[in-house]
Amino acid sequence: MQRIFVVVVVFRCGSVIVDLVLRFNKVVSESDVISALKTAAQQGDFGKFNVDPDSIKATDTGSTQGAVRLLLTSTV
């Protein structure tokens, strides 16, 4: 999967809670995106951010083709 860009929709107080949209240059499976992000979180592949794999959830099941909206929780 090749990511084109990320749009951060909202930051909330407390831990970093990110509501974001991932856009791709082709149709992607929401479950494949979530699985890839959970694997990255388990392996610590978010740089200085410690992302809780269980917090990664789709927030908009009506996303357009090539876009997935997600919610995740992180600490720095």
N, C-alpha and C. Protein backbone atom coordinates (compact mmCIF):
# COMPACT_ATOMS: atom_id res chain seq x y z
N MET A 1 0.85 -1.18 0.00
CA MET A 1 0.00 0.00 0.00
C MET A 1 0.89 1.24 0.00
N GLN A 2 0.59 2.16 -0.84
CA GLN A 2 1.34 3.41 -0.90
C GLN A 2 0.47 4.53 -0.38
N ARG A 3 0.88 5.13 0.72
CA ARG A 3 0.13 6.24 1.30
C ARG A 3 0.42 7.50 0.50
N ILE A 4 -0.60 8.27 0.22
CA ILE A 4 -0.40 9.53 -0.49
C ILE A 4 -0.23 10.67 0.51
N PHE A 5 -1.16 10.84 1.45
CA PHE A 5 -1.02 11.85 2.49
C PHE A 5 -1.96 11.55 3.64
N VAL A 6 -1.74 12.21 4.77
CA VAL A 6 -2.56 12.03 5.97
C VAL A 6 -3.14 13.39 6.33
N VAL A 7 -4.42 13.42 6.69
CA VAL A 7 -5.07 14.63 7.16
C VAL A 7 -5.45 14.39 8.62
N VAL A 8 -4.88 15.18 9.54
CA VAL A 8 -5.25 15.08 10.95
C VAL A 8 -6.51 15.91 11.14
N VAL A 9 -7.57 15.24 11.58
CA VAL A 9 -8.86 15.90 11.70
C VAL A 9 -8.99 16.61 13.05
N VAL A 10 -8.58 15.95 14.15
CA VAL A 10 -8.75 16.52 15.49
C VAL A 10 -7.65 16.00 16.41
N PHE A 11 -7.12 16.86 17.30
CA PHE A 11 -6.32 16.43 18.44
C PHE A 11 -7.13 16.73 19.68
N ARG A 12 -7.13 15.80 20.66
CA ARG A 12 -7.87 16.00 21.90
C ARG A 12 -6.90 16.00 23.08
N CYS A 13 -7.30 16.60 24.21
CA CYS A 13 -6.46 16.67 25.41
C CYS A 13 -6.23 15.28 25.99
N GLY A 14 -5.19 15.17 26.81
CA GLY A 14 -4.85 13.90 27.44
C GLY A 14 -3.78 13.22 26.60
N SER A 15 -3.89 11.92 26.51
CA SER A 15 -3.02 11.23 25.56
C SER A 15 -3.34 11.80 24.19
N VAL A 16 -2.46 11.61 23.27
CA VAL A 16 -2.73 12.08 21.92
C VAL A 16 -3.75 11.13 21.29
N ILE A 17 -4.93 11.66 21.04
CA ILE A 17 -5.97 10.89 20.38
C ILE A 17 -6.12 11.48 18.99
N VAL A 18 -5.80 10.70 17.98
CA VAL A 18 -5.76 11.20 16.62
C VAL A 18 -6.95 10.65 15.82
N ASP A 19 -7.68 11.57 15.23
CA ASP A 19 -8.78 11.24 14.32
C ASP A 19 -8.27 11.64 12.94
N LEU A 20 -7.96 10.67 12.10
CA LEU A 20 -7.27 10.97 10.86
C LEU A 20 -7.89 10.25 9.66
N VAL A 21 -7.56 10.74 8.49
CA VAL A 21 -7.98 10.12 7.24
C VAL A 21 -6.72 9.73 6.48
N LEU A 22 -6.62 8.47 6.09
CA LEU A 22 -5.54 8.02 5.22
C LEU A 22 -6.10 7.91 3.82
N ARG A 23 -5.43 8.54 2.86
CA ARG A 23 -5.87 8.48 1.45
C ARG A 23 -4.82 7.70 0.64
N PHE A 24 -5.29 6.85 -0.23
CA PHE A 24 -4.43 6.00 -1.04
C PHE A 24 -4.70 6.25 -2.52
N ASN A 25 -3.75 5.87 -3.35
CA ASN A 25 -3.91 6.09 -4.78
C ASN A 25 -4.62 4.93 -5.48
N LYS A 26 -5.17 4.02 -4.69
CA LYS A 26 -5.96 2.92 -5.22
C LYS A 26 -6.95 2.48 -4.15
N VAL A 27 -7.89 1.65 -4.52
CA VAL A 27 -8.88 1.14 -3.57
C VAL A 27 -8.16 0.21 -2.60
N VAL A 28 -8.41 0.41 -1.31
CA VAL A 28 -7.79 -0.43 -0.27
C VAL A 28 -8.88 -1.00 0.62
N SER A 29 -8.57 -2.10 1.25
CA SER A 29 -9.48 -2.71 2.20
C SER A 29 -9.28 -2.06 3.56
N GLU A 30 -10.36 -1.61 4.16
CA GLU A 30 -10.28 -1.00 5.49
C GLU A 30 -9.62 -1.96 6.48
N SER A 31 -9.98 -3.24 6.41
CA SER A 31 -9.41 -4.22 7.34
C SER A 31 -7.92 -4.41 7.10
N ASP A 32 -7.45 -4.33 5.84
CA ASP A 32 -6.01 -4.44 5.56
C ASP A 32 -5.25 -3.26 6.15
N VAL A 33 -5.82 -2.06 6.04
CA VAL A 33 -5.18 -0.87 6.59
C VAL A 33 -5.09 -0.97 8.10
N ILE A 34 -6.19 -1.35 8.75
CA ILE A 34 -6.20 -1.48 10.20
C ILE A 34 -5.20 -2.55 10.65
N SER A 35 -5.17 -3.67 9.95
CA SER A 35 -4.23 -4.74 10.29
C SER A 35 -2.78 -4.27 10.17
N ALA A 36 -2.46 -3.56 9.09
CA ALA A 36 -1.10 -3.06 8.90
C ALA A 36 -0.71 -2.07 9.99
N LEU A 37 -1.64 -1.19 10.38
CA LEU A 37 -1.35 -0.21 11.43
C LEU A 37 -1.20 -0.88 12.79
N LYS A 38 -2.03 -1.88 13.08
CA LYS A 38 -1.92 -2.61 14.35
C LYS A 38 -0.58 -3.34 14.44
N THR A 39 -0.16 -3.94 13.34
CA THR A 39 1.13 -4.62 13.30
C THR A 39 2.26 -3.61 13.54
N ALA A 40 2.18 -2.47 12.88
CA ALA A 40 3.20 -1.42 13.07
C ALA A 40 3.23 -0.96 14.53
N ALA A 41 2.06 -0.81 15.15
CA ALA A 41 1.99 -0.39 16.55
C ALA A 41 2.62 -1.44 17.46
N GLN A 42 2.35 -2.71 17.20
CA GLN A 42 2.91 -3.78 18.02
C GLN A 42 4.43 -3.86 17.89
N GLN A 43 4.95 -3.47 16.73
CA GLN A 43 6.39 -3.54 16.48
C GLN A 43 7.10 -2.23 16.81
N GLY A 44 6.35 -1.22 17.28
CA GLY A 44 6.96 0.05 17.65
C GLY A 44 7.40 0.88 16.45
N ASP A 45 6.70 0.74 15.34
CA ASP A 45 7.11 1.43 14.10
C ASP A 45 6.48 2.81 13.91
N PHE A 46 6.10 3.47 15.00
CA PHE A 46 5.55 4.83 14.91
C PHE A 46 6.53 5.85 15.47
N GLY A 47 7.80 5.55 15.39
CA GLY A 47 8.82 6.48 15.87
C GLY A 47 8.73 6.68 17.37
N LYS A 48 8.67 7.93 17.81
CA LYS A 48 8.62 8.25 19.24
C LYS A 48 7.23 8.06 19.83
N PHE A 49 6.24 7.79 18.99
CA PHE A 49 4.88 7.61 19.49
C PHE A 49 4.65 6.15 19.87
N ASN A 50 4.11 5.93 21.05
CA ASN A 50 3.74 4.61 21.52
C ASN A 50 2.24 4.47 21.26
N VAL A 51 1.87 3.78 20.19
CA VAL A 51 0.47 3.66 19.79
C VAL A 51 -0.11 2.37 20.35
N ASP A 52 -1.25 2.47 21.01
CA ASP A 52 -1.96 1.31 21.53
C ASP A 52 -2.64 0.59 20.37
N PRO A 53 -2.19 -0.63 20.02
CA PRO A 53 -2.78 -1.33 18.88
C PRO A 53 -4.30 -1.52 19.01
N ASP A 54 -4.77 -1.71 20.24
CA ASP A 54 -6.22 -1.92 20.45
C ASP A 54 -7.03 -0.65 20.25
N SER A 55 -6.36 0.49 20.19
CA SER A 55 -7.09 1.76 20.01
C SER A 55 -7.36 2.07 18.54
N ILE A 56 -6.73 1.34 17.64
CA ILE A 56 -6.86 1.63 16.20
C ILE A 56 -8.19 1.09 15.70
N LYS A 57 -9.08 2.00 15.34
CA LYS A 57 -10.42 1.63 14.90
C LYS A 57 -10.87 2.53 13.76
N ALA A 58 -11.64 1.96 12.85
CA ALA A 58 -12.25 2.76 11.79
C ALA A 58 -13.38 3.56 12.40
N THR A 59 -13.51 4.83 12.01
CA THR A 59 -14.57 5.68 12.55
C THR A 59 -15.61 6.04 11.52
N ASP A 60 -15.34 5.71 10.26
CA ASP A 60 -16.29 6.06 9.20
C ASP A 60 -16.35 4.91 8.22
N THR A 61 -17.33 4.02 8.40
CA THR A 61 -17.41 2.86 7.53
C THR A 61 -17.91 3.22 6.15
N GLY A 62 -18.31 4.47 5.95
CA GLY A 62 -18.76 4.92 4.64
C GLY A 62 -17.68 5.69 3.90
N SER A 63 -16.41 5.42 4.23
CA SER A 63 -15.30 6.13 3.57
C SER A 63 -15.36 5.93 2.07
N THR A 64 -14.90 6.92 1.35
CA THR A 64 -14.85 6.81 -0.11
C THR A 64 -13.73 5.87 -0.51
N GLN A 65 -13.77 5.38 -1.72
CA GLN A 65 -12.73 4.48 -2.20
C GLN A 65 -11.37 5.17 -2.12
N GLY A 66 -10.38 4.44 -1.62
CA GLY A 66 -9.05 5.00 -1.51
C GLY A 66 -8.82 5.84 -0.26
N ALA A 67 -9.81 5.88 0.66
CA ALA A 67 -9.66 6.65 1.90
C ALA A 67 -10.22 5.85 3.06
N VAL A 68 -9.53 5.91 4.20
CA VAL A 68 -9.98 5.25 5.42
C VAL A 68 -9.84 6.24 6.56
N ARG A 69 -10.93 6.46 7.32
CA ARG A 69 -10.87 7.35 8.49
C ARG A 69 -10.69 6.48 9.73
N LEU A 70 -9.73 6.86 10.57
CA LEU A 70 -9.36 6.06 11.74
C LEU A 70 -9.26 6.92 12.99
N LEU A 71 -9.33 6.26 14.11
CA LEU A 71 -9.10 6.87 15.42
C LEU A 71 -8.04 6.01 16.11
N LEU A 72 -7.00 6.64 16.71
CA LEU A 72 -6.01 5.89 17.46
C LEU A 72 -5.51 6.73 18.63
N THR A 73 -5.00 6.05 19.64
CA THR A 73 -4.50 6.71 20.85
C THR A 73 -3.00 6.45 20.97
N SER A 74 -2.26 7.51 21.31
CA SER A 74 -0.81 7.42 21.40
C SER A 74 -0.31 8.20 22.59
N THR A 75 0.85 7.81 23.09
CA THR A 75 1.58 8.60 24.08
C THR A 75 2.97 8.85 23.53
N VAL A 76 3.58 9.94 23.97
CA VAL A 76 4.91 10.28 23.48
C VAL A 76 5.92 9.94 24.55
